[in-house]
Amino acid sequence: MKKIAALLSVCTLLVGCSATAHQAGEQNTSEAHSASGSSEGAFTIGLTYIPDVQFAPMYIAHDKGFFADEGLDITLRHHGAQEALFGAMSNGEEDIVFAGGDEMLQAASTGIDVVNWATMYQRYPVVLITRQDSPIHSPADLAGHSVGLPGPYGENYYGLLAMMQSYSLANVDVQYIGYTQAAALASGQVDAIIGFTNNDAVVMRDSGMDIREIPLVAGDLPLVGVGLGSPRDAINPVAFAKILHALQKACEYASEHRDEALDIVAHYVPSLRDPAQRARAGQVLDATLALYTGSSVFGSQNTATWEAMAQFLKQSKVIDRVPDLPAYTTAVLDQWAGGK
């Protein structure tokens, strides 16, 4: 019971700090940056919802002047809690959005004008997580067991669908439990969860849980992780390649100067002033930076994965149709590779 209480306390603390961090993050960005579109190199990048250490490369690229070194005037804008993911981009408040490739494809299938032009997470961040003493060593072992995830949406859900299809799973008790995965797994409410390797797994281990992370499929997931997207006609290969260069420098800086990187993040996420929160954030930062690796080209697009994802999401009825035009482009990567 002590472990469950501790996990619930962690979740409560994170939620409580998020509201404060959100307000502080909005103040930082709105006061420090100019409005979108004020010059040729000015762009607003939309970051999902609340300031978090997972956005560290963006914060570092701005605060260390890596964007400015490229002749860019970048505004970082966190979305409001009730704001649609692509709403601000659609109405012109944002030029670029930081979101899942799968989310962009789903949006494009409904007619929203968004095209992914770089993939930041070269590895999909979602895994199957169970306790170390569990008999579940593979998704194939889930038959007769329960698995929890927030709900029938987002990367957790897409990962669940891919896993179920890959292993032809039946007789699995799928439970939608909101954002209580850690406590649900610790208490035995569920036997496993679908969670993020750079968030859920870190929090659980930091709270004393002995867990096992299991890949969702034996090979490559037919899913594309977090990337950068813009309206099709607004994609500027030359300028956007400079954004990639700045973000690559930021990732390298964070890897080489971890404490300084966390100091920068703390300007956006005030809860990091607490030593325990800072230590946990450092682990999240390490796990997040690892997701950016895996390709020889920073931000690389994988055409085969995009095509496989389109067919998978249609087959799974996540989307009704595959968009007539691809929901991704290699134009920026072509410029990025050619200009290096």
C-alpha atoms as a PDB file:
ATOM      1  CA  MET A   1       0.000   0.000   0.000  1.00  0.00           C
ATOM      2  CA  LYS A   2       2.915   2.364   0.681  1.00  0.00           C
ATOM      3  CA  LYS A   3       4.089   1.941  -2.916  1.00  0.00           C
ATOM      4  CA  ILE A   4       0.615   2.677  -4.286  1.00  0.00           C
ATOM      5  CA  ALA A   5       0.300   5.748  -2.082  1.00  0.00           C
ATOM      6  CA  ALA A   6       3.691   6.943  -3.243  1.00  0.00           C
ATOM      7  CA  LEU A   7       2.735   6.535  -6.883  1.00  0.00           C
ATOM      8  CA  LEU A   8      -0.531   8.378  -6.373  1.00  0.00           C
ATOM      9  CA  SER A   9       1.412  11.122  -4.609  1.00  0.00           C
ATOM     10  CA  VAL A  10       3.784  11.377  -7.565  1.00  0.00           C
ATOM     11  CA  CYS A  11       0.860  11.668  -9.991  1.00  0.00           C
ATOM     12  CA  THR A  12      -0.814  14.321  -7.831  1.00  0.00           C
ATOM     13  CA  LEU A  13       2.414  16.284  -7.560  1.00  0.00           C
ATOM     14  CA  LEU A  14       2.968  16.166 -11.303  1.00  0.00           C
ATOM     15  CA  VAL A  15      -0.558  17.350 -12.022  1.00  0.00           C
ATOM     16  CA  GLY A  16      -0.303  20.096  -9.426  1.00  0.00           C
ATOM     17  CA  CYS A  17       3.001  21.318 -10.796  1.00  0.00           C
ATOM     18  CA  SER A  18       1.738  21.179 -14.363  1.00  0.00           C
ATOM     19  CA  ALA A  19      -0.728  24.025 -13.864  1.00  0.00           C
ATOM     20  CA  THR A  20       1.964  26.251 -12.382  1.00  0.00           C
ATOM     21  CA  ALA A  21       4.444  25.241 -15.055  1.00  0.00           C
ATOM     22  CA  HIS A  22       1.908  25.912 -17.757  1.00  0.00           C
ATOM     23  CA  GLN A  23       1.352  29.445 -16.512  1.00  0.00           C
ATOM     24  CA  ALA A  24       5.079  30.059 -16.170  1.00  0.00           C
ATOM     25  CA  GLY A  25       5.767  28.568 -19.595  1.00  0.00           C
ATOM     26  CA  GLU A  26       3.152  30.779 -21.229  1.00  0.00           C
ATOM     27  CA  GLN A  27       4.690  33.831 -19.570  1.00  0.00           C
ATOM     28  CA  ASN A  28       8.191  32.842 -20.704  1.00  0.00           C
ATOM     29  CA  THR A  29       7.183  32.347 -24.316  1.00  0.00           C
ATOM     30  CA  SER A  30       4.732  35.203 -24.731  1.00  0.00           C
ATOM     31  CA  GLU A  31       7.045  37.840 -23.248  1.00  0.00           C
ATOM     32  CA  ALA A  32      10.325  36.634 -24.708  1.00  0.00           C
ATOM     33  CA  HIS A  33       9.404  36.056 -28.347  1.00  0.00           C
ATOM     34  CA  SER A  34       7.965  38.054 -31.175  1.00  0.00           C
ATOM     35  CA  ALA A  35       4.714  37.289 -32.959  1.00  0.00           C
ATOM     36  CA  SER A  36       4.658  34.608 -35.652  1.00  0.00           C
ATOM     37  CA  GLY A  37       5.361  35.765 -39.160  1.00  0.00           C
ATOM     38  CA  SER A  38       6.966  39.097 -38.224  1.00  0.00           C
ATOM     39  CA  SER A  39      10.014  38.374 -40.400  1.00  0.00           C
ATOM     40  CA  GLU A  40      11.118  35.871 -43.015  1.00  0.00           C
ATOM     41  CA  GLY A  41      12.764  33.655 -40.394  1.00  0.00           C
ATOM     42  CA  ALA A  42      10.054  33.977 -37.739  1.00  0.00           C
ATOM     43  CA  PHE A  43       8.035  30.884 -36.848  1.00  0.00           C
ATOM     44  CA  THR A  44       5.821  29.821 -33.967  1.00  0.00           C
ATOM     45  CA  ILE A  45       6.235  26.208 -32.875  1.00  0.00           C
ATOM     46  CA  GLY A  46       3.296  24.678 -31.017  1.00  0.00           C
ATOM     47  CA  LEU A  47       4.172  22.335 -28.158  1.00  0.00           C
ATOM     48  CA  THR A  48       1.473  20.124 -26.732  1.00  0.00           C
ATOM     49  CA  TYR A  49      -0.247  21.408 -23.636  1.00  0.00           C
ATOM     50  CA  ILE A  50       2.103  21.860 -20.655  1.00  0.00           C
ATOM     51  CA  PRO A  51       5.815  22.635 -20.290  1.00  0.00           C
ATOM     52  CA  ASP A  52       7.772  19.442 -19.710  1.00  0.00           C
ATOM     53  CA  VAL A  53      11.346  18.189 -19.756  1.00  0.00           C
ATOM     54  CA  GLN A  54      10.455  16.147 -22.846  1.00  0.00           C
ATOM     55  CA  PHE A  55      10.523  19.451 -24.775  1.00  0.00           C
ATOM     56  CA  ALA A  56      14.084  20.157 -23.586  1.00  0.00           C
ATOM     57  CA  PRO A  57      15.659  20.357 -27.080  1.00  0.00           C
ATOM     58  CA  MET A  58      13.202  23.127 -27.999  1.00  0.00           C
ATOM     59  CA  TYR A  59      13.889  25.078 -24.815  1.00  0.00           C
ATOM     60  CA  ILE A  60      17.649  24.659 -25.175  1.00  0.00           C
ATOM     61  CA  ALA A  61      17.706  25.640 -28.853  1.00  0.00           C
ATOM     62  CA  HIS A  62      15.911  28.843 -27.956  1.00  0.00           C
ATOM     63  CA  ASP A  63      17.687  29.778 -24.731  1.00  0.00           C
ATOM     64  CA  LYS A  64      21.200  28.907 -25.947  1.00  0.00           C
ATOM     65  CA  GLY A  65      20.649  30.925 -29.119  1.00  0.00           C
ATOM     66  CA  PHE A  66      20.894  27.969 -31.496  1.00  0.00           C
ATOM     67  CA  PHE A  67      17.780  29.130 -33.354  1.00  0.00           C
ATOM     68  CA  ALA A  68      19.086  32.700 -33.474  1.00  0.00           C
ATOM     69  CA  ASP A  69      22.452  31.468 -34.783  1.00  0.00           C
ATOM     70  CA  GLU A  70      20.551  30.136 -37.801  1.00  0.00           C
ATOM     71  CA  GLY A  71      18.896  33.504 -38.398  1.00  0.00           C
ATOM     72  CA  LEU A  72      15.590  32.276 -36.955  1.00  0.00           C
ATOM     73  CA  ASP A  73      13.168  34.077 -34.655  1.00  0.00           C
ATOM     74  CA  ILE A  74      11.305  31.239 -32.943  1.00  0.00           C
ATOM     75  CA  THR A  75       8.312  31.499 -30.638  1.00  0.00           C
ATOM     76  CA  LEU A  76       7.554  28.467 -28.465  1.00  0.00           C
ATOM     77  CA  ARG A  77       3.854  28.224 -27.665  1.00  0.00           C
ATOM     78  CA  HIS A  78       2.261  25.693 -25.346  1.00  0.00           C
ATOM     79  CA  HIS A  79      -1.295  24.739 -26.194  1.00  0.00           C
ATOM     80  CA  GLY A  80      -4.157  25.438 -23.833  1.00  0.00           C
ATOM     81  CA  ALA A  81      -5.553  22.436 -21.998  1.00  0.00           C
ATOM     82  CA  GLN A  82      -8.832  22.562 -23.948  1.00  0.00           C
ATOM     83  CA  GLU A  83      -7.240  23.454 -27.284  1.00  0.00           C
ATOM     84  CA  ALA A  84      -7.406  21.149 -30.301  1.00  0.00           C
ATOM     85  CA  LEU A  85      -3.994  19.744 -31.212  1.00  0.00           C
ATOM     86  CA  PHE A  86      -3.967  21.275 -34.699  1.00  0.00           C
ATOM     87  CA  GLY A  87      -6.401  24.133 -34.032  1.00  0.00           C
ATOM     88  CA  ALA A  88      -3.841  26.915 -33.616  1.00  0.00           C
ATOM     89  CA  MET A  89      -1.934  25.778 -36.703  1.00  0.00           C
ATOM     90  CA  SER A  90      -5.136  25.661 -38.753  1.00  0.00           C
ATOM     91  CA  ASN A  91      -6.096  29.208 -37.786  1.00  0.00           C
ATOM     92  CA  GLY A  92      -2.613  30.621 -38.350  1.00  0.00           C
ATOM     93  CA  GLU A  93      -1.447  31.053 -34.751  1.00  0.00           C
ATOM     94  CA  GLU A  94       1.247  28.399 -35.195  1.00  0.00           C
ATOM     95  CA  ASP A  95       3.481  27.619 -38.166  1.00  0.00           C
ATOM     96  CA  ILE A  96       4.786  24.290 -36.877  1.00  0.00           C
ATOM     97  CA  VAL A  97       3.343  21.719 -34.484  1.00  0.00           C
ATOM     98  CA  PHE A  98       5.231  19.114 -32.457  1.00  0.00           C
ATOM     99  CA  ALA A  99       2.993  16.024 -32.548  1.00  0.00           C
ATOM    100  CA  GLY A 100       2.892  12.318 -33.309  1.00  0.00           C
ATOM    101  CA  GLY A 101       3.226  11.242 -36.920  1.00  0.00           C
ATOM    102  CA  ASP A 102       0.222   8.985 -36.348  1.00  0.00           C
ATOM    103  CA  GLU A 103      -1.776  11.955 -35.037  1.00  0.00           C
ATOM    104  CA  MET A 104      -0.859  13.970 -38.121  1.00  0.00           C
ATOM    105  CA  LEU A 105      -1.895  11.175 -40.462  1.00  0.00           C
ATOM    106  CA  GLN A 106      -5.194  10.788 -38.633  1.00  0.00           C
ATOM    107  CA  ALA A 107      -5.798  14.541 -38.855  1.00  0.00           C
ATOM    108  CA  ALA A 108      -4.883  14.623 -42.550  1.00  0.00           C
ATOM    109  CA  SER A 109      -7.368  11.825 -43.217  1.00  0.00           C
ATOM    110  CA  THR A 110     -10.141  14.117 -41.942  1.00  0.00           C
ATOM    111  CA  GLY A 111      -9.100  16.995 -44.202  1.00  0.00           C
ATOM    112  CA  ILE A 112      -6.880  18.959 -41.802  1.00  0.00           C
ATOM    113  CA  ASP A 113      -3.956  20.484 -43.689  1.00  0.00           C
ATOM    114  CA  VAL A 114      -0.918  19.141 -41.840  1.00  0.00           C
ATOM    115  CA  VAL A 115       2.182  17.465 -43.265  1.00  0.00           C
ATOM    116  CA  ASN A 116       4.965  15.924 -41.203  1.00  0.00           C
ATOM    117  CA  TRP A 117       8.356  17.135 -42.468  1.00  0.00           C
ATOM    118  CA  ALA A 118      10.700  15.593 -39.885  1.00  0.00           C
ATOM    119  CA  THR A 119      10.468  12.724 -37.402  1.00  0.00           C
ATOM    120  CA  MET A 120      12.041  13.578 -34.053  1.00  0.00           C
ATOM    121  CA  TYR A 121      11.461  10.298 -32.210  1.00  0.00           C
ATOM    122  CA  GLN A 122      13.195   7.720 -34.361  1.00  0.00           C
ATOM    123  CA  ARG A 123      11.855   5.026 -32.040  1.00  0.00           C
ATOM    124  CA  TYR A 124       8.173   4.838 -31.148  1.00  0.00           C
ATOM    125  CA  PRO A 125       8.048   5.624 -27.411  1.00  0.00           C
ATOM    126  CA  VAL A 126       5.302   3.208 -26.314  1.00  0.00           C
ATOM    127  CA  VAL A 127       5.976  -0.228 -24.805  1.00  0.00           C
ATOM    128  CA  LEU A 128       4.236  -2.939 -22.805  1.00  0.00           C
ATOM    129  CA  ILE A 129       5.144  -2.596 -19.117  1.00  0.00           C
ATOM    130  CA  THR A 130       4.613  -5.214 -16.428  1.00  0.00           C
ATOM    131  CA  ARG A 131       6.024  -6.043 -13.016  1.00  0.00           C
ATOM    132  CA  GLN A 132       9.326  -7.910 -12.959  1.00  0.00           C
ATOM    133  CA  ASP A 133       7.705 -10.812 -11.091  1.00  0.00           C
ATOM    134  CA  SER A 134       4.941 -11.129 -13.720  1.00  0.00           C
ATOM    135  CA  PRO A 135       4.603 -14.249 -15.885  1.00  0.00           C
ATOM    136  CA  ILE A 136       4.230 -11.916 -18.885  1.00  0.00           C
ATOM    137  CA  HIS A 137       7.484 -11.898 -20.837  1.00  0.00           C
ATOM    138  CA  SER A 138       6.005 -11.256 -24.277  1.00  0.00           C
ATOM    139  CA  PRO A 139       2.744  -9.833 -25.629  1.00  0.00           C
ATOM    140  CA  ALA A 140       1.877 -13.438 -26.493  1.00  0.00           C
ATOM    141  CA  ASP A 141       1.593 -14.095 -22.736  1.00  0.00           C
ATOM    142  CA  LEU A 142      -1.205 -11.539 -22.318  1.00  0.00           C
ATOM    143  CA  ALA A 143      -3.978 -14.048 -23.073  1.00  0.00           C
ATOM    144  CA  GLY A 144      -6.129 -14.313 -19.965  1.00  0.00           C
ATOM    145  CA  HIS A 145      -4.565 -11.193 -18.446  1.00  0.00           C
ATOM    146  CA  SER A 146      -5.527  -7.529 -18.241  1.00  0.00           C
ATOM    147  CA  VAL A 147      -3.784  -4.534 -19.794  1.00  0.00           C
ATOM    148  CA  GLY A 148      -4.480  -0.896 -18.963  1.00  0.00           C
ATOM    149  CA  LEU A 149      -4.125   2.333 -20.908  1.00  0.00           C
ATOM    150  CA  PRO A 150      -5.652   5.815 -20.666  1.00  0.00           C
ATOM    151  CA  GLY A 151      -8.344   5.319 -23.311  1.00  0.00           C
ATOM    152  CA  PRO A 152      -9.101   4.495 -26.960  1.00  0.00           C
ATOM    153  CA  TYR A 153      -6.963   7.330 -28.331  1.00  0.00           C
ATOM    154  CA  GLY A 154      -3.391   8.454 -28.820  1.00  0.00           C
ATOM    155  CA  GLU A 155      -0.117   6.579 -29.026  1.00  0.00           C
ATOM    156  CA  ASN A 156      -0.942   4.138 -26.207  1.00  0.00           C
ATOM    157  CA  TYR A 157      -4.046   3.037 -28.124  1.00  0.00           C
ATOM    158  CA  TYR A 158      -2.355   2.834 -31.513  1.00  0.00           C
ATOM    159  CA  GLY A 159       0.386   0.760 -29.913  1.00  0.00           C
ATOM    160  CA  LEU A 160      -2.203  -1.536 -28.342  1.00  0.00           C
ATOM    161  CA  LEU A 161      -3.861  -2.095 -31.725  1.00  0.00           C
ATOM    162  CA  ALA A 162      -0.524  -2.889 -33.377  1.00  0.00           C
ATOM    163  CA  MET A 163       0.354  -5.352 -30.623  1.00  0.00           C
ATOM    164  CA  MET A 164      -3.043  -7.078 -30.733  1.00  0.00           C
ATOM    165  CA  GLN A 165      -2.815  -7.440 -34.505  1.00  0.00           C
ATOM    166  CA  SER A 166       0.816  -8.577 -34.541  1.00  0.00           C
ATOM    167  CA  TYR A 167       0.197 -11.378 -32.030  1.00  0.00           C
ATOM    168  CA  SER A 168      -3.413 -12.155 -33.071  1.00  0.00           C
ATOM    169  CA  LEU A 169      -4.337 -11.661 -29.424  1.00  0.00           C
ATOM    170  CA  ALA A 170      -7.699 -12.718 -28.071  1.00  0.00           C
ATOM    171  CA  ASN A 171      -9.064 -13.118 -24.541  1.00  0.00           C
ATOM    172  CA  VAL A 172      -7.234 -10.033 -23.297  1.00  0.00           C
ATOM    173  CA  ASP A 173      -9.008  -7.793 -20.797  1.00  0.00           C
ATOM    174  CA  VAL A 174      -8.356  -4.277 -22.115  1.00  0.00           C
ATOM    175  CA  GLN A 175      -9.140  -1.647 -19.478  1.00  0.00           C
ATOM    176  CA  TYR A 176      -9.303   2.116 -20.084  1.00  0.00           C
ATOM    177  CA  ILE A 177      -8.103   3.517 -16.770  1.00  0.00           C
ATOM    178  CA  GLY A 178      -7.207   7.142 -17.459  1.00  0.00           C
ATOM    179  CA  TYR A 179      -3.769   8.364 -16.437  1.00  0.00           C
ATOM    180  CA  THR A 180      -3.474   5.978 -13.484  1.00  0.00           C
ATOM    181  CA  GLN A 181      -1.254   3.337 -15.084  1.00  0.00           C
ATOM    182  CA  ALA A 182       1.418   3.343 -12.385  1.00  0.00           C
ATOM    183  CA  ALA A 183      -0.991   2.948  -9.482  1.00  0.00           C
ATOM    184  CA  ALA A 184      -3.108   0.414 -11.383  1.00  0.00           C
ATOM    185  CA  LEU A 185      -0.086  -1.766 -12.092  1.00  0.00           C
ATOM    186  CA  ALA A 186       1.292  -1.448  -8.555  1.00  0.00           C
ATOM    187  CA  SER A 187      -2.045  -2.363  -6.965  1.00  0.00           C
ATOM    188  CA  GLY A 188      -2.687  -5.325  -9.257  1.00  0.00           C
ATOM    189  CA  GLN A 189      -5.752  -3.710 -10.827  1.00  0.00           C
ATOM    190  CA  VAL A 190      -4.161  -4.609 -14.181  1.00  0.00           C
ATOM    191  CA  ASP A 191      -1.457  -7.110 -15.070  1.00  0.00           C
ATOM    192  CA  ALA A 192       0.291  -4.843 -17.574  1.00  0.00           C
ATOM    193  CA  ILE A 193       0.001  -1.389 -19.085  1.00  0.00           C
ATOM    194  CA  ILE A 194       0.757   0.314 -22.372  1.00  0.00           C
ATOM    195  CA  GLY A 195       3.041   3.175 -21.381  1.00  0.00           C
ATOM    196  CA  PHE A 196       5.798   5.524 -22.463  1.00  0.00           C
ATOM    197  CA  THR A 197       9.365   4.364 -22.024  1.00  0.00           C
ATOM    198  CA  ASN A 198      10.486   7.979 -21.453  1.00  0.00           C
ATOM    199  CA  ASN A 199       7.784   8.818 -18.924  1.00  0.00           C
ATOM    200  CA  ASP A 200       5.696   6.048 -17.338  1.00  0.00           C
ATOM    201  CA  ALA A 201       8.597   3.623 -17.044  1.00  0.00           C
ATOM    202  CA  VAL A 202      10.844   6.305 -15.516  1.00  0.00           C
ATOM    203  CA  VAL A 203       8.251   7.353 -12.927  1.00  0.00           C
ATOM    204  CA  MET A 204       7.567   3.754 -11.899  1.00  0.00           C
ATOM    205  CA  ARG A 205      11.229   2.854 -11.431  1.00  0.00           C
ATOM    206  CA  ASP A 206      11.886   6.108  -9.598  1.00  0.00           C
ATOM    207  CA  SER A 207       9.015   5.253  -7.250  1.00  0.00           C
ATOM    208  CA  GLY A 208      10.544   1.875  -6.392  1.00  0.00           C
ATOM    209  CA  MET A 209       8.677  -0.443  -8.758  1.00  0.00           C
ATOM    210  CA  ASP A 210      10.665  -3.278 -10.326  1.00  0.00           C
ATOM    211  CA  ILE A 211       9.286  -3.371 -13.864  1.00  0.00           C
ATOM    212  CA  ARG A 212       9.915  -5.032 -17.196  1.00  0.00           C
ATOM    213  CA  GLU A 213       9.613  -3.205 -20.544  1.00  0.00           C
ATOM    214  CA  ILE A 214       8.514  -5.353 -23.480  1.00  0.00           C
ATOM    215  CA  PRO A 215       8.431  -4.338 -27.173  1.00  0.00           C
ATOM    216  CA  LEU A 216       4.899  -4.288 -28.568  1.00  0.00           C
ATOM    217  CA  VAL A 217       5.810  -6.214 -31.732  1.00  0.00           C
ATOM    218  CA  ALA A 218       8.659  -8.495 -32.675  1.00  0.00           C
ATOM    219  CA  GLY A 219       9.797  -6.333 -35.620  1.00  0.00           C
ATOM    220  CA  ASP A 220       9.167  -2.724 -36.544  1.00  0.00           C
ATOM    221  CA  LEU A 221       5.996  -1.012 -35.376  1.00  0.00           C
ATOM    222  CA  PRO A 222       3.863   0.355 -38.236  1.00  0.00           C
ATOM    223  CA  LEU A 223       3.759   3.687 -36.406  1.00  0.00           C
ATOM    224  CA  VAL A 224       5.667   6.974 -36.662  1.00  0.00           C
ATOM    225  CA  GLY A 225       6.671   8.816 -33.509  1.00  0.00           C
ATOM    226  CA  VAL A 226       6.675  12.496 -32.637  1.00  0.00           C
ATOM    227  CA  GLY A 227       7.727  14.903 -35.361  1.00  0.00           C
ATOM    228  CA  LEU A 228       7.286  18.379 -36.775  1.00  0.00           C
ATOM    229  CA  GLY A 229       4.387  19.255 -39.060  1.00  0.00           C
ATOM    230  CA  SER A 230       3.075  22.291 -40.932  1.00  0.00           C
ATOM    231  CA  PRO A 231       0.429  23.170 -43.517  1.00  0.00           C
ATOM    232  CA  ARG A 232       1.546  21.817 -46.887  1.00  0.00           C
ATOM    233  CA  ASP A 233       1.986  25.188 -48.623  1.00  0.00           C
ATOM    234  CA  ALA A 234       3.752  26.698 -45.600  1.00  0.00           C
ATOM    235  CA  ILE A 235       6.676  24.263 -45.571  1.00  0.00           C
ATOM    236  CA  ASN A 236       9.934  26.166 -46.098  1.00  0.00           C
ATOM    237  CA  PRO A 237      12.681  23.580 -46.733  1.00  0.00           C
ATOM    238  CA  VAL A 238      15.586  26.017 -46.337  1.00  0.00           C
ATOM    239  CA  ALA A 239      14.366  27.596 -43.086  1.00  0.00           C
ATOM    240  CA  PHE A 240      13.050  24.339 -41.646  1.00  0.00           C
ATOM    241  CA  ALA A 241      16.389  22.620 -42.307  1.00  0.00           C
ATOM    242  CA  LYS A 242      17.911  25.339 -40.124  1.00  0.00           C
ATOM    243  CA  ILE A 243      15.430  24.447 -37.378  1.00  0.00           C
ATOM    244  CA  LEU A 244      16.645  20.849 -37.566  1.00  0.00           C
ATOM    245  CA  HIS A 245      20.244  21.992 -37.305  1.00  0.00           C
ATOM    246  CA  ALA A 246      19.449  24.029 -34.188  1.00  0.00           C
ATOM    247  CA  LEU A 247      17.569  21.118 -32.588  1.00  0.00           C
ATOM    248  CA  GLN A 248      20.393  18.707 -33.335  1.00  0.00           C
ATOM    249  CA  LYS A 249      22.817  21.074 -31.593  1.00  0.00           C
ATOM    250  CA  ALA A 250      20.390  21.271 -28.665  1.00  0.00           C
ATOM    251  CA  CYS A 251      20.243  17.479 -28.325  1.00  0.00           C
ATOM    252  CA  GLU A 252      24.035  17.291 -28.396  1.00  0.00           C
ATOM    253  CA  TYR A 253      24.255  20.043 -25.792  1.00  0.00           C
ATOM    254  CA  ALA A 254      21.763  18.266 -23.517  1.00  0.00           C
ATOM    255  CA  SER A 255      23.752  15.026 -23.766  1.00  0.00           C
ATOM    256  CA  GLU A 256      27.060  16.723 -23.000  1.00  0.00           C
ATOM    257  CA  HIS A 257      25.835  19.275 -20.421  1.00  0.00           C
ATOM    258  CA  ARG A 258      23.040  17.533 -18.550  1.00  0.00           C
ATOM    259  CA  ASP A 259      22.964  19.808 -15.490  1.00  0.00           C
ATOM    260  CA  GLU A 260      23.004  22.973 -17.581  1.00  0.00           C
ATOM    261  CA  ALA A 261      20.220  21.524 -19.741  1.00  0.00           C
ATOM    262  CA  LEU A 262      18.089  20.900 -16.656  1.00  0.00           C
ATOM    263  CA  ASP A 263      18.769  24.463 -15.494  1.00  0.00           C
ATOM    264  CA  ILE A 264      17.295  25.721 -18.763  1.00  0.00           C
ATOM    265  CA  VAL A 265      14.275  23.418 -18.490  1.00  0.00           C
ATOM    266  CA  ALA A 266      13.672  24.683 -14.947  1.00  0.00           C
ATOM    267  CA  HIS A 267      12.906  28.142 -16.370  1.00  0.00           C
ATOM    268  CA  TYR A 268       9.894  26.549 -18.078  1.00  0.00           C
ATOM    269  CA  VAL A 269       9.100  23.871 -15.479  1.00  0.00           C
ATOM    270  CA  PRO A 270       9.513  25.462 -12.015  1.00  0.00           C
ATOM    271  CA  SER A 271       8.897  22.139 -10.220  1.00  0.00           C
ATOM    272  CA  LEU A 272      12.450  21.132 -11.211  1.00  0.00           C
ATOM    273  CA  ARG A 273      13.709  23.370  -8.423  1.00  0.00           C
ATOM    274  CA  ASP A 274      12.762  20.516  -6.113  1.00  0.00           C
ATOM    275  CA  PRO A 275      15.744  18.093  -6.001  1.00  0.00           C
ATOM    276  CA  ALA A 276      13.580  14.959  -6.294  1.00  0.00           C
ATOM    277  CA  GLN A 277      11.677  16.360  -9.275  1.00  0.00           C
ATOM    278  CA  ARG A 278      14.936  17.430 -10.900  1.00  0.00           C
ATOM    279  CA  ALA A 279      16.448  13.966 -10.457  1.00  0.00           C
ATOM    280  CA  ARG A 280      13.394  12.354 -12.037  1.00  0.00           C
ATOM    281  CA  ALA A 281      13.428  14.909 -14.848  1.00  0.00           C
ATOM    282  CA  GLY A 282      17.043  14.021 -15.558  1.00  0.00           C
ATOM    283  CA  GLN A 283      16.054  10.409 -16.098  1.00  0.00           C
ATOM    284  CA  VAL A 284      13.192  11.467 -18.374  1.00  0.00           C
ATOM    285  CA  LEU A 285      15.612  13.669 -20.317  1.00  0.00           C
ATOM    286  CA  ASP A 286      18.045  10.774 -20.823  1.00  0.00           C
ATOM    287  CA  ALA A 287      15.266   8.465 -22.016  1.00  0.00           C
ATOM    288  CA  THR A 288      13.832  11.131 -24.319  1.00  0.00           C
ATOM    289  CA  LEU A 289      17.160  11.961 -25.947  1.00  0.00           C
ATOM    290  CA  ALA A 290      17.608   8.254 -26.692  1.00  0.00           C
ATOM    291  CA  LEU A 291      14.420   8.364 -28.772  1.00  0.00           C
ATOM    292  CA  TYR A 292      15.986  10.945 -31.096  1.00  0.00           C
ATOM    293  CA  THR A 293      18.732   8.491 -32.059  1.00  0.00           C
ATOM    294  CA  GLY A 294      18.714   5.534 -34.429  1.00  0.00           C
ATOM    295  CA  SER A 295      19.234   7.204 -37.796  1.00  0.00           C
ATOM    296  CA  SER A 296      22.298   8.651 -39.498  1.00  0.00           C
ATOM    297  CA  VAL A 297      20.248  11.736 -40.431  1.00  0.00           C
ATOM    298  CA  PHE A 298      18.677  13.798 -37.648  1.00  0.00           C
ATOM    299  CA  GLY A 299      14.906  13.946 -38.176  1.00  0.00           C
ATOM    300  CA  SER A 300      14.955  11.178 -40.773  1.00  0.00           C
ATOM    301  CA  GLN A 301      11.712  10.096 -42.453  1.00  0.00           C
ATOM    302  CA  ASN A 302      11.085   6.401 -43.156  1.00  0.00           C
ATOM    303  CA  THR A 303       8.869   6.120 -46.227  1.00  0.00           C
ATOM    304  CA  ALA A 304       8.172   2.422 -45.676  1.00  0.00           C
ATOM    305  CA  THR A 305       6.966   3.050 -42.120  1.00  0.00           C
ATOM    306  CA  TRP A 306       4.708   5.908 -43.247  1.00  0.00           C
ATOM    307  CA  GLU A 307       3.137   3.710 -45.906  1.00  0.00           C
ATOM    308  CA  ALA A 308       2.739   0.796 -43.487  1.00  0.00           C
ATOM    309  CA  MET A 309       1.148   3.094 -40.913  1.00  0.00           C
ATOM    310  CA  ALA A 310      -1.390   4.441 -43.404  1.00  0.00           C
ATOM    311  CA  GLN A 311      -2.551   0.936 -44.250  1.00  0.00           C
ATOM    312  CA  PHE A 312      -2.487  -0.203 -40.621  1.00  0.00           C
ATOM    313  CA  LEU A 313      -4.565   2.710 -39.333  1.00  0.00           C
ATOM    314  CA  LYS A 314      -7.109   2.221 -42.127  1.00  0.00           C
ATOM    315  CA  GLN A 315      -7.278  -1.510 -41.492  1.00  0.00           C
ATOM    316  CA  SER A 316      -7.723  -0.827 -37.775  1.00  0.00           C
ATOM    317  CA  LYS A 317     -10.513   1.694 -38.564  1.00  0.00           C
ATOM    318  CA  VAL A 318      -8.629   4.523 -36.853  1.00  0.00           C
ATOM    319  CA  ILE A 319      -8.949   6.395 -40.151  1.00  0.00           C
ATOM    320  CA  ASP A 320     -11.682   6.018 -42.757  1.00  0.00           C
ATOM    321  CA  ARG A 321      -9.406   6.624 -45.693  1.00  0.00           C
ATOM    322  CA  VAL A 322      -5.775   7.149 -46.596  1.00  0.00           C
ATOM    323  CA  PRO A 323      -5.270  10.805 -47.610  1.00  0.00           C
ATOM    324  CA  ASP A 324      -4.954  11.404 -51.348  1.00  0.00           C
ATOM    325  CA  LEU A 325      -1.687  13.266 -50.747  1.00  0.00           C
ATOM    326  CA  PRO A 326       0.972  11.852 -48.381  1.00  0.00           C
ATOM    327  CA  ALA A 327       0.846  13.193 -44.824  1.00  0.00           C
ATOM    328  CA  TYR A 328       4.633  13.508 -44.850  1.00  0.00           C
ATOM    329  CA  THR A 329       7.351  14.983 -47.036  1.00  0.00           C
ATOM    330  CA  THR A 330      11.104  14.496 -47.392  1.00  0.00           C
ATOM    331  CA  ALA A 331      11.630  17.979 -48.873  1.00  0.00           C
ATOM    332  CA  VAL A 332      13.117  19.417 -45.675  1.00  0.00           C
ATOM    333  CA  LEU A 333      15.308  16.361 -45.102  1.00  0.00           C
ATOM    334  CA  ASP A 334      16.558  16.582 -48.697  1.00  0.00           C
ATOM    335  CA  GLN A 335      17.524  20.205 -48.052  1.00  0.00           C
ATOM    336  CA  TRP A 336      18.981  19.305 -44.643  1.00  0.00           C
ATOM    337  CA  ALA A 337      21.161  16.531 -46.094  1.00  0.00           C
ATOM    338  CA  GLY A 338      22.243  18.623 -49.068  1.00  0.00           C
ATOM    339  CA  GLY A 339      23.126  21.665 -46.988  1.00  0.00           C
ATOM    340  CA  LYS A 340      25.258  19.924 -44.377  1.00  0.00           C
END
